[in-house]
Protein backbone atom coordinates (compact mmCIF):
# COMPACT_ATOMS: atom_id res chain seq x y z
CA MET A 1 0.06 -23.25 98.11
CA LEU A 2 0.75 -22.23 101.68
CA ASP A 3 4.29 -22.04 102.94
CA ARG A 4 3.87 -24.12 106.09
CA GLU A 5 6.34 -26.94 106.61
CA PRO A 6 4.66 -29.18 109.19
CA TYR A 7 7.74 -31.26 110.04
CA ALA A 8 10.21 -28.34 110.33
CA ALA A 9 9.74 -27.85 114.10
CA LEU A 10 10.30 -31.54 114.85
CA PRO A 11 13.69 -33.11 115.55
CA GLN A 12 15.67 -33.78 112.40
CA LEU A 13 15.73 -37.53 111.77
CA PRO A 14 17.67 -39.60 109.25
CA GLY A 15 15.82 -40.07 105.99
CA PHE A 16 15.14 -43.24 104.07
CA ASN A 17 13.48 -44.13 100.76
CA LEU A 18 9.73 -44.01 100.08
CA THR A 19 8.33 -44.82 96.63
CA SER A 20 4.94 -45.51 95.11
CA THR A 21 3.44 -46.72 91.87
CA ASP A 22 0.45 -44.41 92.57
CA VAL A 23 2.08 -41.21 93.86
CA THR A 24 4.81 -39.27 92.07
CA ASP A 25 6.63 -36.79 94.27
CA ASN A 26 5.32 -33.24 93.89
CA GLN A 27 2.91 -34.25 91.10
CA PRO A 28 -0.91 -34.33 91.05
CA LEU A 29 -2.67 -37.34 92.54
CA GLY A 30 -5.05 -39.29 90.31
CA LEU A 31 -8.76 -39.78 90.89
CA ASP A 32 -8.07 -43.05 92.72
CA GLN A 33 -6.47 -41.01 95.52
CA ALA A 34 -9.12 -38.25 95.39
CA SER A 35 -12.13 -38.36 97.70
CA GLY A 36 -15.49 -39.36 96.29
CA ALA A 37 -16.74 -39.42 99.90
CA MET A 38 -15.93 -35.70 100.16
CA GLY A 39 -17.47 -34.74 96.85
CA ILE A 40 -14.78 -35.19 94.19
CA GLU A 41 -16.59 -36.62 91.17
CA GLY A 42 -14.94 -39.93 90.25
CA GLY A 43 -12.80 -39.93 93.42
CA LYS A 44 -12.24 -43.40 94.88
CA ASP A 45 -10.51 -42.85 98.28
CA THR A 46 -8.07 -45.64 97.43
CA ALA A 47 -5.03 -45.92 99.67
CA PRO A 48 -1.97 -45.68 97.44
CA HIS A 49 0.81 -48.19 97.05
CA LEU A 50 3.73 -47.31 99.33
CA ALA A 51 7.11 -49.06 99.57
CA TRP A 52 10.08 -48.10 101.69
CA SER A 53 13.65 -49.17 102.25
CA GLY A 54 16.77 -48.08 104.09
CA ALA A 55 15.18 -47.45 107.49
CA PRO A 56 17.66 -46.88 110.30
CA GLU A 57 19.08 -49.72 112.35
CA GLY A 58 16.95 -50.25 115.44
CA THR A 59 13.63 -49.82 113.63
CA LYS A 60 11.04 -51.96 115.42
CA SER A 61 7.83 -50.64 113.81
CA TYR A 62 6.46 -47.93 111.53
CA VAL A 63 3.78 -45.26 111.49
CA VAL A 64 2.23 -44.28 108.14
CA THR A 65 0.41 -40.96 107.80
CA CYS A 66 -0.98 -38.66 105.14
CA PHE A 67 -1.35 -34.99 106.04
CA ASP A 68 -2.61 -31.94 104.13
CA PRO A 69 -0.95 -28.88 105.72
CA ASP A 70 -2.74 -26.60 103.25
CA ALA A 71 -6.29 -27.38 104.43
CA PRO A 72 -8.21 -24.26 105.50
CA THR A 73 -7.89 -25.04 109.22
CA PRO A 74 -5.26 -24.06 111.78
CA SER A 75 -4.36 -27.74 112.20
CA GLY A 76 -4.36 -28.97 108.60
CA PHE A 77 -6.19 -32.20 107.75
CA TRP A 78 -5.10 -35.76 108.57
CA HIS A 79 -6.12 -38.14 105.75
CA LEU A 80 -4.54 -41.28 107.21
CA CYS A 81 -2.82 -42.46 110.38
CA VAL A 82 -1.80 -46.08 111.06
CA SER A 83 0.60 -46.99 113.87
CA ASN A 84 2.36 -50.11 115.14
CA ILE A 85 3.09 -51.50 111.68
CA PRO A 86 5.62 -54.33 112.26
CA ALA A 87 9.21 -53.69 111.12
CA ASN A 88 9.06 -56.57 108.61
CA VAL A 89 6.33 -54.74 106.63
CA THR A 90 7.96 -52.47 104.05
CA GLU A 91 5.30 -52.34 101.32
CA LEU A 92 1.58 -51.63 101.21
CA LYS A 93 -0.20 -52.50 97.97
CA THR A 94 -2.73 -50.18 96.31
CA GLY A 95 -6.01 -50.34 98.19
CA TRP A 96 -4.40 -51.76 101.33
CA ALA A 97 -6.35 -51.89 104.56
CA ALA A 98 -4.74 -51.67 107.99
CA GLU A 99 -6.65 -54.71 109.25
CA GLU A 100 -4.54 -56.77 106.84
CA ILE A 101 -1.47 -55.90 108.94
CA ALA A 102 -1.24 -57.90 112.18
CA GLY A 103 -0.90 -55.58 115.17
CA ALA A 104 -1.42 -52.31 113.28
CA ILE A 105 -3.75 -49.68 114.72
CA LYS A 106 -5.95 -47.48 112.52
CA HIS A 107 -6.59 -44.05 114.01
CA LEU A 108 -9.56 -41.81 113.29
CA ASN A 109 -8.67 -39.33 110.56
CA ASP A 110 -10.13 -35.85 110.11
CA GLY A 111 -12.64 -37.24 107.61
CA GLY A 112 -14.24 -39.14 110.50
CA ASN A 113 -13.15 -42.64 109.52
CA ARG A 114 -10.21 -44.98 109.98
CA GLU A 115 -9.48 -45.57 106.29
CA PHE A 116 -7.64 -43.40 103.78
CA THR A 117 -9.64 -40.28 102.89
CA GLY A 118 -8.55 -39.01 99.50
CA ALA A 119 -7.71 -35.50 98.38
CA ALA A 120 -10.56 -32.97 98.38
CA PRO A 121 -9.42 -29.38 98.68
CA PRO A 122 -12.12 -26.71 98.52
CA PRO A 123 -12.75 -25.46 94.96
CA GLY A 124 -10.58 -22.46 94.15
CA HIS A 125 -8.41 -22.85 97.27
CA GLY A 126 -5.31 -23.65 95.22
CA VAL A 127 -2.94 -26.57 95.15
CA HIS A 128 -2.83 -28.68 98.31
CA ARG A 129 0.02 -30.97 99.35
CA TYR A 130 -0.67 -34.51 100.57
CA ILE A 131 2.40 -35.53 102.54
CA PHE A 132 2.75 -39.27 102.93
CA CYS A 133 5.19 -39.96 105.75
CA VAL A 134 6.56 -43.27 106.97
CA THR A 135 8.23 -42.91 110.35
CA ALA A 136 10.60 -45.55 111.66
CA VAL A 137 9.94 -46.18 115.37
CA ASP A 138 12.30 -47.51 118.08
CA THR A 139 9.64 -49.62 119.79
CA GLU A 140 7.36 -52.40 118.52
CA GLN A 141 4.28 -50.64 119.86
CA LEU A 142 3.63 -47.07 120.84
CA ASP A 143 1.82 -46.77 124.17
CA ILE A 144 -1.46 -45.71 122.53
CA ASP A 145 -4.69 -47.29 121.37
CA GLU A 146 -7.10 -46.67 118.49
CA SER A 147 -8.65 -43.69 120.32
CA ALA A 148 -5.41 -41.70 119.96
CA SER A 149 -5.72 -38.88 117.43
CA PRO A 150 -3.10 -38.43 114.70
CA ALA A 151 -1.73 -35.48 116.72
CA VAL A 152 -1.23 -37.73 119.77
CA VAL A 153 0.38 -40.42 117.60
CA ASN A 154 2.79 -37.82 116.21
CA PHE A 155 3.50 -36.48 119.71
CA ASN A 156 4.63 -40.01 120.62
CA LEU A 157 6.86 -40.00 117.54
CA PHE A 158 8.66 -36.96 118.98
CA PHE A 159 10.11 -39.41 121.53
CA HIS A 160 10.21 -42.63 119.49
CA GLY A 161 10.77 -41.66 115.86
CA ILE A 162 14.22 -42.57 114.55
CA GLY A 163 13.81 -41.93 110.82
CA ARG A 164 11.36 -40.45 108.30
CA ALA A 165 10.58 -40.93 104.63
CA PHE A 166 8.36 -38.56 102.65
CA LEU A 167 6.45 -38.59 99.40
CA THR A 168 4.21 -35.65 98.51
CA GLY A 169 1.33 -35.66 96.04
CA THR A 170 -0.67 -32.58 95.11
CA TYR A 171 -4.27 -31.90 94.18
CA GLU A 172 -6.29 -28.87 93.11
CA VAL A 173 -9.95 -28.32 92.39
CA THR A 174 -10.56 -25.29 90.20
CA GLU A 175 -13.82 -23.42 90.44
């Protein structure tokens, strides 16, 4: 596992609670959250259940992301990025789709699609972390559209993020 902490250089924000019936913090993800599309036998690319509470006062929307900082690239690998989730949404059921959320924007992930791409580290590369992050935002809509990359979305969060909640799953493919 690499020692990069992708959120360390960002402003410290108040935390809040993020839980899941599908992801246990710092434990391996199941095949439902592994990527069949990227070659993991039995992988289903199913977006996990996520539920959050305790966001800071002034939260007007959320951004939900999943990032693998351990991918063998200088920029990691974005598995999911959805912005402009209304503040009244605080739970996403297993298999959720962003189009079910009025006003939400799905951004192109590094797998080349706008859905959740499951875990698929290269065989023998070691344990990878899949950091699910829900960011509380101080505006109902970020000034972006669906063409914005996850990096651009997160750049906007530098100015508009007011709280963050994390849940990290892991995955490893042995040779």
